[in-house]
Amino acid sequence: MEHVGDLVPVPLGGALLVVLGVQKQVAEAPDRVHPYPGADLAREAGANIYSEENDLITAGNGLVGIHASRTGKKTIRLPSECDVVDAVSGVSLGRGASFTFDMKLGETRLLRVR
């Protein structure tokens, strides 16, 4: 039986499934990171897949951060329709569940979702 805080090994070459109450999160060994190896596992655990790109995404407490691993269009998919504002500039991106914008390699954006 899984308990909160348990690390459950999964067959993804170094990935772990972290039990966080009713939520589960995939954590990967840094030396084995490659484009979305755990996306299917994360989907199966009920996690929202914010991006299909190999960008660093952090989300929680009404914020979504994205750090671009390459230049190009980025699409963020939220778990539900929200009002989204660029947390740094204060510019509204509108209301929706999916947002696409351009980013440059190494650029970081922080979005406030409500």
PDB file of N, CA and C in Angstrom:
ATOM      1  N   MET A   1       0.840  -1.178   0.000  1.00  0.00           N
ATOM      2  CA  MET A   1       0.000   0.000   0.000  1.00  0.00           C
ATOM      3  C   MET A   1       0.888   1.246   0.000  1.00  0.00           C
ATOM      4  N   GLU A   2       0.554   2.217  -0.831  1.00  0.00           N
ATOM      5  CA  GLU A   2       1.328   3.455  -0.925  1.00  0.00           C
ATOM      6  C   GLU A   2       0.885   4.430   0.161  1.00  0.00           C
ATOM      7  N   HIS A   3       1.851   5.137   0.726  1.00  0.00           N
ATOM      8  CA  HIS A   3       1.580   6.163   1.727  1.00  0.00           C
ATOM      9  C   HIS A   3       2.161   7.489   1.260  1.00  0.00           C
ATOM     10  N   VAL A   4       1.643   8.594   1.793  1.00  0.00           N
ATOM     11  CA  VAL A   4       2.153   9.919   1.441  1.00  0.00           C
ATOM     12  C   VAL A   4       3.660   9.948   1.683  1.00  0.00           C
ATOM     13  N   GLY A   5       4.400  10.415   0.695  1.00  0.00           N
ATOM     14  CA  GLY A   5       5.847  10.517   0.781  1.00  0.00           C
ATOM     15  C   GLY A   5       6.589   9.316   0.242  1.00  0.00           C
ATOM     16  N   ASP A   6       5.878   8.218  -0.045  1.00  0.00           N
ATOM     17  CA  ASP A   6       6.531   7.035  -0.603  1.00  0.00           C
ATOM     18  C   ASP A   6       7.127   7.343  -1.966  1.00  0.00           C
ATOM     19  N   LEU A   7       8.274   6.772  -2.245  1.00  0.00           N
ATOM     20  CA  LEU A   7       8.881   6.829  -3.573  1.00  0.00           C
ATOM     21  C   LEU A   7       8.715   5.441  -4.174  1.00  0.00           C
ATOM     22  N   VAL A   8       7.962   5.362  -5.249  1.00  0.00           N
ATOM     23  CA  VAL A   8       7.646   4.083  -5.863  1.00  0.00           C
ATOM     24  C   VAL A   8       8.416   3.959  -7.174  1.00  0.00           C
ATOM     25  N   PRO A   9       9.403   3.037  -7.265  1.00  0.00           N
ATOM     26  CA  PRO A   9      10.142   2.874  -8.528  1.00  0.00           C
ATOM     27  C   PRO A   9       9.214   2.443  -9.654  1.00  0.00           C
ATOM     28  N   VAL A  10       9.443   3.001 -10.836  1.00  0.00           N
ATOM     29  CA  VAL A  10       8.684   2.615 -12.024  1.00  0.00           C
ATOM     30  C   VAL A  10       9.660   2.277 -13.135  1.00  0.00           C
ATOM     31  N   PRO A  11       9.262   1.477 -14.102  1.00  0.00           N
ATOM     32  CA  PRO A  11      10.199   1.028 -15.139  1.00  0.00           C
ATOM     33  C   PRO A  11      10.470   2.079 -16.213  1.00  0.00           C
ATOM     34  N   LEU A  12      11.027   3.218 -15.826  1.00  0.00           N
ATOM     35  CA  LEU A  12      11.342   4.267 -16.794  1.00  0.00           C
ATOM     36  C   LEU A  12      12.792   4.699 -16.673  1.00  0.00           C
ATOM     37  N   GLY A  13      13.673   3.788 -16.345  1.00  0.00           N
ATOM     38  CA  GLY A  13      15.091   4.100 -16.287  1.00  0.00           C
ATOM     39  C   GLY A  13      15.430   5.214 -15.315  1.00  0.00           C
ATOM     40  N   GLY A  14      15.104   5.039 -14.054  1.00  0.00           N
ATOM     41  CA  GLY A  14      15.489   6.026 -13.054  1.00  0.00           C
ATOM     42  C   GLY A  14      14.356   6.887 -12.551  1.00  0.00           C
ATOM     43  N   ALA A  15      13.159   6.777 -13.115  1.00  0.00           N
ATOM     44  CA  ALA A  15      12.039   7.607 -12.656  1.00  0.00           C
ATOM     45  C   ALA A  15      11.460   7.046 -11.376  1.00  0.00           C
ATOM     46  N   LEU A  16      10.872   7.923 -10.591  1.00  0.00           N
ATOM     47  CA  LEU A  16      10.174   7.537  -9.374  1.00  0.00           C
ATOM     48  C   LEU A  16       8.797   8.161  -9.391  1.00  0.00           C
ATOM     49  N   LEU A  17       7.828   7.463  -8.859  1.00  0.00           N
ATOM     50  CA  LEU A  17       6.502   8.018  -8.674  1.00  0.00           C
ATOM     51  C   LEU A  17       6.419   8.437  -7.220  1.00  0.00           C
ATOM     52  N   VAL A  18       6.171   9.718  -6.961  1.00  0.00           N
ATOM     53  CA  VAL A  18       6.119  10.243  -5.603  1.00  0.00           C
ATOM     54  C   VAL A  18       4.658  10.377  -5.200  1.00  0.00           C
ATOM     55  N   VAL A  19       4.281   9.767  -4.104  1.00  0.00           N
ATOM     56  CA  VAL A  19       2.907   9.815  -3.637  1.00  0.00           C
ATOM     57  C   VAL A  19       2.739  11.046  -2.755  1.00  0.00           C
ATOM     58  N   LEU A  20       1.858  11.953  -3.169  1.00  0.00           N
ATOM     59  CA  LEU A  20       1.606  13.193  -2.441  1.00  0.00           C
ATOM     60  C   LEU A  20       0.119  13.267  -2.100  1.00  0.00           C
ATOM     61  N   GLY A  21      -0.310  12.515  -1.123  1.00  0.00           N
ATOM     62  CA  GLY A  21      -1.731  12.484  -0.786  1.00  0.00           C
ATOM     63  C   GLY A  21      -2.510  11.887  -1.936  1.00  0.00           C
ATOM     64  N   VAL A  22      -3.508  12.619  -2.431  1.00  0.00           N
ATOM     65  CA  VAL A  22      -4.290  12.119  -3.553  1.00  0.00           C
ATOM     66  C   VAL A  22      -3.585  12.386  -4.876  1.00  0.00           C
ATOM     67  N   GLN A  23      -2.488  13.158  -4.837  1.00  0.00           N
ATOM     68  CA  GLN A  23      -1.749  13.476  -6.056  1.00  0.00           C
ATOM     69  C   GLN A  23      -0.521  12.584  -6.161  1.00  0.00           C
ATOM     70  N   LYS A  24      -0.091  12.349  -7.388  1.00  0.00           N
ATOM     71  CA  LYS A  24       1.157  11.633  -7.633  1.00  0.00           C
ATOM     72  C   LYS A  24       1.978  12.479  -8.574  1.00  0.00           C
ATOM     73  N   GLN A  25       3.282  12.468  -8.398  1.00  0.00           N
ATOM     74  CA  GLN A  25       4.169  13.287  -9.212  1.00  0.00           C
ATOM     75  C   GLN A  25       5.330  12.426  -9.674  1.00  0.00           C
ATOM     76  N   VAL A  26       5.773  12.633 -10.914  1.00  0.00           N
ATOM     77  CA  VAL A  26       6.903  11.885 -11.449  1.00  0.00           C
ATOM     78  C   VAL A  26       8.178  12.685 -11.225  1.00  0.00           C
ATOM     79  N   ALA A  27       9.178  12.040 -10.665  1.00  0.00           N
ATOM     80  CA  ALA A  27      10.483  12.667 -10.476  1.00  0.00           C
ATOM     81  C   ALA A  27      11.504  11.819 -11.220  1.00  0.00           C
ATOM     82  N   GLU A  28      12.457  12.469 -11.887  1.00  0.00           N
ATOM     83  CA  GLU A  28      13.426  11.723 -12.677  1.00  0.00           C
ATOM     84  C   GLU A  28      14.843  11.988 -12.221  1.00  0.00           C
ATOM     85  N   ALA A  29      15.668  10.996 -12.362  1.00  0.00           N
ATOM     86  CA  ALA A  29      17.088  11.164 -12.057  1.00  0.00           C
ATOM     87  C   ALA A  29      17.686  12.125 -13.074  1.00  0.00           C
ATOM     88  N   PRO A  30      18.418  13.177 -12.628  1.00  0.00           N
ATOM     89  CA  PRO A  30      18.914  14.206 -13.553  1.00  0.00           C
ATOM     90  C   PRO A  30      19.794  13.681 -14.685  1.00  0.00           C
ATOM     91  N   ASP A  31      20.518  12.581 -14.444  1.00  0.00           N
ATOM     92  CA  ASP A  31      21.396  12.064 -15.490  1.00  0.00           C
ATOM     93  C   ASP A  31      20.633  11.279 -16.552  1.00  0.00           C
ATOM     94  N   ARG A  32      19.334  11.124 -16.383  1.00  0.00           N
ATOM     95  CA  ARG A  32      18.552  10.341 -17.336  1.00  0.00           C
ATOM     96  C   ARG A  32      17.425  11.147 -17.964  1.00  0.00           C
ATOM     97  N   VAL A  33      17.456  12.454 -17.835  1.00  0.00           N
ATOM     98  CA  VAL A  33      16.363  13.277 -18.350  1.00  0.00           C
ATOM     99  C   VAL A  33      16.432  13.352 -19.872  1.00  0.00           C
ATOM    100  N   HIS A  34      15.328  13.076 -20.520  1.00  0.00           N
ATOM    101  CA  HIS A  34      15.193  13.207 -21.959  1.00  0.00           C
ATOM    102  C   HIS A  34      13.751  13.616 -22.240  1.00  0.00           C
ATOM    103  N   PRO A  35      13.425  14.059 -23.440  1.00  0.00           N
ATOM    104  CA  PRO A  35      12.110  14.622 -23.709  1.00  0.00           C
ATOM    105  C   PRO A  35      10.951  13.728 -23.264  1.00  0.00           C
ATOM    106  N   TYR A  36      10.282  14.148 -22.272  1.00  0.00           N
ATOM    107  CA  TYR A  36       9.042  13.580 -21.761  1.00  0.00           C
ATOM    108  C   TYR A  36       8.991  12.069 -21.641  1.00  0.00           C
ATOM    109  N   PRO A  37       9.951  11.436 -20.988  1.00  0.00           N
ATOM    110  CA  PRO A  37       9.892   9.980 -20.867  1.00  0.00           C
ATOM    111  C   PRO A  37       8.761   9.510 -19.973  1.00  0.00           C
ATOM    112  N   GLY A  38       8.296  10.354 -19.048  1.00  0.00           N
ATOM    113  CA  GLY A  38       7.274   9.933 -18.108  1.00  0.00           C
ATOM    114  C   GLY A  38       5.891  10.468 -18.395  1.00  0.00           C
ATOM    115  N   ALA A  39       5.671  11.036 -19.575  1.00  0.00           N
ATOM    116  CA  ALA A  39       4.376  11.652 -19.871  1.00  0.00           C
ATOM    117  C   ALA A  39       3.234  10.644 -19.771  1.00  0.00           C
ATOM    118  N   ASP A  40       3.418   9.463 -20.303  1.00  0.00           N
ATOM    119  CA  ASP A  40       2.352   8.462 -20.239  1.00  0.00           C
ATOM    120  C   ASP A  40       2.069   8.054 -18.805  1.00  0.00           C
ATOM    121  N   LEU A  41       3.118   7.887 -18.016  1.00  0.00           N
ATOM    122  CA  LEU A  41       2.955   7.544 -16.610  1.00  0.00           C
ATOM    123  C   LEU A  41       2.250   8.670 -15.863  1.00  0.00           C
ATOM    124  N   ALA A  42       2.649   9.907 -16.145  1.00  0.00           N
ATOM    125  CA  ALA A  42       2.025  11.058 -15.494  1.00  0.00           C
ATOM    126  C   ALA A  42       0.543  11.147 -15.864  1.00  0.00           C
ATOM    127  N   ARG A  43       0.231  10.926 -17.133  1.00  0.00           N
ATOM    128  CA  ARG A  43      -1.174  10.929 -17.555  1.00  0.00           C
ATOM    129  C   ARG A  43      -1.954   9.848 -16.810  1.00  0.00           C
ATOM    130  N   GLU A  44      -1.350   8.655 -16.724  1.00  0.00           N
ATOM    131  CA  GLU A  44      -2.003   7.542 -16.042  1.00  0.00           C
ATOM    132  C   GLU A  44      -2.255   7.865 -14.567  1.00  0.00           C
ATOM    133  N   ALA A  45      -1.360   8.624 -13.954  1.00  0.00           N
ATOM    134  CA  ALA A  45      -1.509   9.011 -12.552  1.00  0.00           C
ATOM    135  C   ALA A  45      -2.509  10.154 -12.387  1.00  0.00           C
ATOM    136  N   GLY A  46      -3.015  10.692 -13.510  1.00  0.00           N
ATOM    137  CA  GLY A  46      -4.002  11.763 -13.450  1.00  0.00           C
ATOM    138  C   GLY A  46      -3.419  13.160 -13.464  1.00  0.00           C
ATOM    139  N   ALA A  47      -2.137  13.271 -13.768  1.00  0.00           N
ATOM    140  CA  ALA A  47      -1.486  14.584 -13.800  1.00  0.00           C
ATOM    141  C   ALA A  47      -1.817  15.323 -15.096  1.00  0.00           C
ATOM    142  N   ASN A  48      -1.912  16.639 -15.002  1.00  0.00           N
ATOM    143  CA  ASN A  48      -2.067  17.466 -16.195  1.00  0.00           C
ATOM    144  C   ASN A  48      -0.706  17.583 -16.883  1.00  0.00           C
ATOM    145  N   ILE A  49      -0.660  17.416 -18.187  1.00  0.00           N
ATOM    146  CA  ILE A  49       0.569  17.607 -18.950  1.00  0.00           C
ATOM    147  C   ILE A  49       0.520  19.033 -19.484  1.00  0.00           C
ATOM    148  N   TYR A  50       1.295  19.929 -18.869  1.00  0.00           N
ATOM    149  CA  TYR A  50       1.257  21.343 -19.219  1.00  0.00           C
ATOM    150  C   TYR A  50       1.858  21.626 -20.589  1.00  0.00           C
ATOM    151  N   SER A  51       2.847  20.834 -21.003  1.00  0.00           N
ATOM    152  CA  SER A  51       3.522  21.076 -22.275  1.00  0.00           C
ATOM    153  C   SER A  51       4.081  19.768 -22.808  1.00  0.00           C
ATOM    154  N   GLU A  52       4.058  19.623 -24.121  1.00  0.00           N
ATOM    155  CA  GLU A  52       4.634  18.443 -24.761  1.00  0.00           C
ATOM    156  C   GLU A  52       6.088  18.692 -25.164  1.00  0.00           C
ATOM    157  N   GLU A  53       6.581  19.889 -24.933  1.00  0.00           N
ATOM    158  CA  GLU A  53       7.961  20.234 -25.269  1.00  0.00           C
ATOM    159  C   GLU A  53       8.892  19.792 -24.144  1.00  0.00           C
ATOM    160  N   ASN A  54      10.176  19.853 -24.382  1.00  0.00           N
ATOM    161  CA  ASN A  54      11.169  19.487 -23.379  1.00  0.00           C
ATOM    162  C   ASN A  54      11.620  20.736 -22.610  1.00  0.00           C
ATOM    163  N   ASP A  55      10.653  21.538 -22.161  1.00  0.00           N
ATOM    164  CA  ASP A  55      10.941  22.734 -21.382  1.00  0.00           C
ATOM    165  C   ASP A  55      10.707  22.425 -19.911  1.00  0.00           C
ATOM    166  N   LEU A  56      11.364  23.164 -19.043  1.00  0.00           N
ATOM    167  CA  LEU A  56      11.155  23.000 -17.615  1.00  0.00           C
ATOM    168  C   LEU A  56       9.877  23.728 -17.231  1.00  0.00           C
ATOM    169  N   ILE A  57       8.924  22.995 -16.665  1.00  0.00           N
ATOM    170  CA  ILE A  57       7.640  23.559 -16.251  1.00  0.00           C
ATOM    171  C   ILE A  57       7.489  23.348 -14.755  1.00  0.00           C
ATOM    172  N   THR A  58       7.114  24.404 -14.050  1.00  0.00           N
ATOM    173  CA  THR A  58       6.766  24.294 -12.639  1.00  0.00           C
ATOM    174  C   THR A  58       5.380  24.887 -12.468  1.00  0.00           C
ATOM    175  N   ALA A  59       4.567  24.267 -11.623  1.00  0.00           N
ATOM    176  CA  ALA A  59       3.209  24.759 -11.441  1.00  0.00           C
ATOM    177  C   ALA A  59       2.767  24.517 -10.008  1.00  0.00           C
ATOM    178  N   GLY A  60       2.063  25.491  -9.464  1.00  0.00           N
ATOM    179  CA  GLY A  60       1.507  25.349  -8.126  1.00  0.00           C
ATOM    180  C   GLY A  60       1.167  26.697  -7.534  1.00  0.00           C
ATOM    181  N   ASN A  61       0.236  26.699  -6.600  1.00  0.00           N
ATOM    182  CA  ASN A  61      -0.163  27.914  -5.888  1.00  0.00           C
ATOM    183  C   ASN A  61      -0.549  29.054  -6.819  1.00  0.00           C
ATOM    184  N   GLY A  62      -1.237  28.732  -7.914  1.00  0.00           N
ATOM    185  CA  GLY A  62      -1.715  29.759  -8.827  1.00  0.00           C
ATOM    186  C   GLY A  62      -0.671  30.302  -9.780  1.00  0.00           C
ATOM    187  N   LEU A  63       0.469  29.631  -9.885  1.00  0.00           N
ATOM    188  CA  LEU A  63       1.536  30.068 -10.800  1.00  0.00           C
ATOM    189  C   LEU A  63       1.957  28.918 -11.705  1.00  0.00           C
ATOM    190  N   VAL A  64       2.326  29.251 -12.936  1.00  0.00           N
ATOM    191  CA  VAL A  64       2.937  28.295 -13.854  1.00  0.00           C
ATOM    192  C   VAL A  64       4.183  28.960 -14.414  1.00  0.00           C
ATOM    193  N   GLY A  65       5.331  28.322 -14.236  1.00  0.00           N
ATOM    194  CA  GLY A  65       6.586  28.832 -14.771  1.00  0.00           C
ATOM    195  C   GLY A  65       7.051  27.959 -15.915  1.00  0.00           C
ATOM    196  N   ILE A  66       7.645  28.570 -16.916  1.00  0.00           N
ATOM    197  CA  ILE A  66       8.200  27.823 -18.047  1.00  0.00           C
ATOM    198  C   ILE A  66       9.572  28.395 -18.376  1.00  0.00           C
ATOM    199  N   HIS A  67      10.554  27.500 -18.500  1.00  0.00           N
ATOM    200  CA  HIS A  67      11.908  27.879 -18.887  1.00  0.00           C
ATOM    201  C   HIS A  67      12.195  27.183 -20.215  1.00  0.00           C
ATOM    202  N   ALA A  68      12.436  27.974 -21.264  1.00  0.00           N
ATOM    203  CA  ALA A  68      12.556  27.449 -22.629  1.00  0.00           C
ATOM    204  C   ALA A  68      13.884  26.714 -22.846  1.00  0.00           C
ATOM    205  N   SER A  69      13.763  25.471 -23.310  1.00  0.00           N
ATOM    206  CA  SER A  69      14.954  24.681 -23.641  1.00  0.00           C
ATOM    207  C   SER A  69      15.422  24.940 -25.068  1.00  0.00           C
ATOM    208  N   ARG A  70      14.575  25.653 -25.837  1.00  0.00           N
ATOM    209  CA  ARG A  70      14.941  26.062 -27.199  1.00  0.00           C
ATOM    210  C   ARG A  70      14.006  27.190 -27.643  1.00  0.00           C
ATOM    211  N   THR A  71      14.403  27.893 -28.676  1.00  0.00           N
ATOM    212  CA  THR A  71      13.598  28.982 -29.222  1.00  0.00           C
ATOM    213  C   THR A  71      12.423  28.406 -30.010  1.00  0.00           C
ATOM    214  N   GLY A  72      11.273  29.050 -29.885  1.00  0.00           N
ATOM    215  CA  GLY A  72      10.116  28.620 -30.671  1.00  0.00           C
ATOM    216  C   GLY A  72       8.807  28.863 -29.968  1.00  0.00           C
ATOM    217  N   LYS A  73       7.749  28.350 -30.577  1.00  0.00           N
ATOM    218  CA  LYS A  73       6.401  28.475 -30.013  1.00  0.00           C
ATOM    219  C   LYS A  73       6.247  27.507 -28.844  1.00  0.00           C
ATOM    220  N   LYS A  74       5.605  27.980 -27.798  1.00  0.00           N
ATOM    221  CA  LYS A  74       5.336  27.169 -26.612  1.00  0.00           C
ATOM    222  C   LYS A  74       3.833  27.164 -26.380  1.00  0.00           C
ATOM    223  N   THR A  75       3.284  26.004 -26.102  1.00  0.00           N
ATOM    224  CA  THR A  75       1.871  25.897 -25.770  1.00  0.00           C
ATOM    225  C   THR A  75       1.757  25.319 -24.368  1.00  0.00           C
ATOM    226  N   ILE A  76       1.059  26.046 -23.514  1.00  0.00           N
ATOM    227  CA  ILE A  76       0.791  25.608 -22.149  1.00  0.00           C
ATOM    228  C   ILE A  76      -0.670  25.191 -22.077  1.00  0.00           C
ATOM    229  N   ARG A  77      -0.907  23.980 -21.583  1.00  0.00           N
ATOM    230  CA  ARG A  77      -2.269  23.470 -21.423  1.00  0.00           C
ATOM    231  C   ARG A  77      -2.571  23.368 -19.935  1.00  0.00           C
ATOM    232  N   LEU A  78      -3.555  24.137 -19.495  1.00  0.00           N
ATOM    233  CA  LEU A  78      -3.950  24.157 -18.096  1.00  0.00           C
ATOM    234  C   LEU A  78      -4.988  23.074 -17.827  1.00  0.00           C
ATOM    235  N   PRO A  79      -5.130  22.650 -16.569  1.00  0.00           N
ATOM    236  CA  PRO A  79      -6.108  21.608 -16.257  1.00  0.00           C
ATOM    237  C   PRO A  79      -7.554  22.049 -16.474  1.00  0.00           C
ATOM    238  N   SER A  80      -7.791  23.363 -16.447  1.00  0.00           N
ATOM    239  CA  SER A  80      -9.130  23.895 -16.677  1.00  0.00           C
ATOM    240  C   SER A  80      -9.007  25.329 -17.180  1.00  0.00           C
ATOM    241  N   GLU A  81     -10.106  25.879 -17.641  1.00  0.00           N
ATOM    242  CA  GLU A  81     -10.106  27.256 -18.144  1.00  0.00           C
ATOM    243  C   GLU A  81      -9.818  28.219 -16.985  1.00  0.00           C
ATOM    244  N   CYS A  82      -8.888  29.155 -17.212  1.00  0.00           N
ATOM    245  CA  CYS A  82      -8.463  30.112 -16.186  1.00  0.00           C
ATOM    246  C   CYS A  82      -8.206  31.469 -16.824  1.00  0.00           C
ATOM    247  N   ASP A  83      -8.204  32.499 -15.994  1.00  0.00           N
ATOM    248  CA  ASP A  83      -7.683  33.801 -16.409  1.00  0.00           C
ATOM    249  C   ASP A  83      -6.185  33.735 -16.204  1.00  0.00           C
ATOM    250  N   VAL A  84      -5.410  34.136 -17.228  1.00  0.00           N
ATOM    251  CA  VAL A  84      -3.954  34.032 -17.155  1.00  0.00           C
ATOM    252  C   VAL A  84      -3.331  35.405 -17.365  1.00  0.00           C
ATOM    253  N   VAL A  85      -2.403  35.751 -16.468  1.00  0.00           N
ATOM    254  CA  VAL A  85      -1.707  37.035 -16.509  1.00  0.00           C
ATOM    255  C   VAL A  85      -0.215  36.758 -16.398  1.00  0.00           C
ATOM    256  N   ASP A  86       0.592  37.463 -17.197  1.00  0.00           N
ATOM    257  CA  ASP A  86       2.041  37.394 -17.047  1.00  0.00           C
ATOM    258  C   ASP A  86       2.364  37.993 -15.680  1.00  0.00           C
ATOM    259  N   ALA A  87       2.911  37.199 -14.769  1.00  0.00           N
ATOM    260  CA  ALA A  87       3.135  37.632 -13.391  1.00  0.00           C
ATOM    261  C   ALA A  87       4.195  38.725 -13.268  1.00  0.00           C
ATOM    262  N   VAL A  88       5.066  38.860 -14.250  1.00  0.00           N
ATOM    263  CA  VAL A  88       6.121  39.879 -14.200  1.00  0.00           C
ATOM    264  C   VAL A  88       5.638  41.195 -14.798  1.00  0.00           C
ATOM    265  N   SER A  89       5.068  41.140 -16.006  1.00  0.00           N
ATOM    266  CA  SER A  89       4.653  42.372 -16.692  1.00  0.00           C
ATOM    267  C   SER A  89       3.242  42.821 -16.321  1.00  0.00           C
ATOM    268  N   GLY A  90       2.420  41.891 -15.820  1.00  0.00           N
ATOM    269  CA  GLY A  90       1.039  42.216 -15.508  1.00  0.00           C
ATOM    270  C   GLY A  90       0.114  42.184 -16.705  1.00  0.00           C
ATOM    271  N   VAL A  91       0.622  41.821 -17.879  1.00  0.00           N
ATOM    272  CA  VAL A  91      -0.171  41.777 -19.107  1.00  0.00           C
ATOM    273  C   VAL A  91      -1.059  40.527 -19.100  1.00  0.00           C
ATOM    274  N   SER A  92      -2.352  40.720 -19.374  1.00  0.00           N
ATOM    275  CA  SER A  92      -3.291  39.611 -19.429  1.00  0.00           C
ATOM    276  C   SER A  92      -3.122  38.839 -20.733  1.00  0.00           C
ATOM    277  N   LEU A  93      -3.099  37.511 -20.631  1.00  0.00           N
ATOM    278  CA  LEU A  93      -3.083  36.658 -21.814  1.00  0.00           C
ATOM    279  C   LEU A  93      -4.490  36.210 -22.161  1.00  0.00           C
ATOM    280  N   GLY A  94      -5.467  36.532 -21.301  1.00  0.00           N
ATOM    281  CA  GLY A  94      -6.858  36.203 -21.550  1.00  0.00           C
ATOM    282  C   GLY A  94      -7.342  35.045 -20.705  1.00  0.00           C
ATOM    283  N   ARG A  95      -8.476  34.513 -21.106  1.00  0.00           N
ATOM    284  CA  ARG A  95      -9.076  33.385 -20.398  1.00  0.00           C
ATOM    285  C   ARG A  95      -9.082  32.177 -21.326  1.00  0.00           C
ATOM    286  N   GLY A  96      -8.706  31.025 -20.810  1.00  0.00           N
ATOM    287  CA  GLY A  96      -8.697  29.813 -21.609  1.00  0.00           C
ATOM    288  C   GLY A  96      -8.014  28.680 -20.879  1.00  0.00           C
ATOM    289  N   ALA A  97      -7.910  27.545 -21.553  1.00  0.00           N
ATOM    290  CA  ALA A  97      -7.230  26.378 -20.994  1.00  0.00           C
ATOM    291  C   ALA A  97      -5.932  26.086 -21.738  1.00  0.00           C
ATOM    292  N   SER A  98      -5.688  26.800 -22.853  1.00  0.00           N
ATOM    293  CA  SER A  98      -4.487  26.589 -23.656  1.00  0.00           C
ATOM    294  C   SER A  98      -3.982  27.938 -24.161  1.00  0.00           C
ATOM    295  N   PHE A  99      -2.681  28.149 -24.009  1.00  0.00           N
ATOM    296  CA  PHE A  99      -2.062  29.418 -24.414  1.00  0.00           C
ATOM    297  C   PHE A  99      -0.788  29.126 -25.191  1.00  0.00           C
ATOM    298  N   THR A 100      -0.613  29.809 -26.325  1.00  0.00           N
ATOM    299  CA  THR A 100       0.583  29.637 -27.164  1.00  0.00           C
ATOM    300  C   THR A 100       1.276  30.984 -27.302  1.00  0.00           C
ATOM    301  N   PHE A 101       2.594  30.969 -27.150  1.00  0.00           N
ATOM    302  CA  PHE A 101       3.391  32.186 -27.282  1.00  0.00           C
ATOM    303  C   PHE A 101       4.808  31.804 -27.677  1.00  0.00           C
ATOM    304  N   ASP A 102       5.560  32.781 -28.187  1.00  0.00           N
ATOM    305  CA  ASP A 102       6.952  32.563 -28.589  1.00  0.00           C
ATOM    306  C   ASP A 102       7.884  32.800 -27.412  1.00  0.00           C
ATOM    307  N   MET A 103       8.951  31.997 -27.348  1.00  0.00           N
ATOM    308  CA  MET A 103       9.994  32.184 -26.345  1.00  0.00           C
ATOM    309  C   MET A 103      11.348  31.930 -26.987  1.00  0.00           C
ATOM    310  N   LYS A 104      12.368  32.551 -26.410  1.00  0.00           N
ATOM    311  CA  LYS A 104      13.744  32.332 -26.855  1.00  0.00           C
ATOM    312  C   LYS A 104      14.441  31.353 -25.920  1.00  0.00           C
ATOM    313  N   LEU A 105      15.439  30.674 -26.430  1.00  0.00           N
ATOM    314  CA  LEU A 105      16.248  29.751 -25.643  1.00  0.00           C
ATOM    315  C   LEU A 105      16.696  30.425 -24.347  1.00  0.00           C
ATOM    316  N   GLY A 106      16.452  29.773 -23.213  1.00  0.00           N
ATOM    317  CA  GLY A 106      16.894  30.290 -21.926  1.00  0.00           C
ATOM    318  C   GLY A 106      15.949  31.284 -21.270  1.00  0.00           C
ATOM    319  N   GLU A 107      14.917  31.708 -21.995  1.00  0.00           N
ATOM    320  CA  GLU A 107      13.954  32.666 -21.439  1.00  0.00           C
ATOM    321  C   GLU A 107      13.045  31.946 -20.429  1.00  0.00           C
ATOM    322  N   THR A 108      12.646  32.682 -19.398  1.00  0.00           N
ATOM    323  CA  THR A 108      11.727  32.147 -18.394  1.00  0.00           C
ATOM    324  C   THR A 108      10.513  33.059 -18.296  1.00  0.00           C
ATOM    325  N   ARG A 109       9.335  32.461 -18.242  1.00  0.00           N
ATOM    326  CA  ARG A 109       8.087  33.227 -18.045  1.00  0.00           C
ATOM    327  C   ARG A 109       7.369  32.663 -16.840  1.00  0.00           C
ATOM    328  N   LEU A 110       6.731  33.562 -16.116  1.00  0.00           N
ATOM    329  CA  LEU A 110       5.948  33.168 -14.961  1.00  0.00           C
ATOM    330  C   LEU A 110       4.522  33.678 -15.172  1.00  0.00           C
ATOM    331  N   LEU A 111       3.578  32.749 -15.147  1.00  0.00           N
ATOM    332  CA  LEU A 111       2.181  33.079 -15.417  1.00  0.00           C
ATOM    333  C   LEU A 111       1.360  32.895 -14.141  1.00  0.00           C
ATOM    334  N   ARG A 112       0.488  33.855 -13.870  1.00  0.00           N
ATOM    335  CA  ARG A 112      -0.450  33.737 -12.745  1.00  0.00           C
ATOM    336  C   ARG A 112      -1.772  33.243 -13.316  1.00  0.00           C
ATOM    337  N   VAL A 113      -2.301  32.162 -12.749  1.00  0.00           N
ATOM    338  CA  VAL A 113      -3.556  31.577 -13.219  1.00  0.00           C
ATOM    339  C   VAL A 113      -4.609  31.679 -12.127  1.00  0.00           C
ATOM    340  N   ARG A 114      -5.816  32.093 -12.532  1.00  0.00           N
ATOM    341  CA  ARG A 114      -6.932  32.223 -11.573  1.00  0.00           C
ATOM    342  C   ARG A 114      -8.183  31.632 -12.159  1.00  0.00           C
TER     343      ARG A 114
END
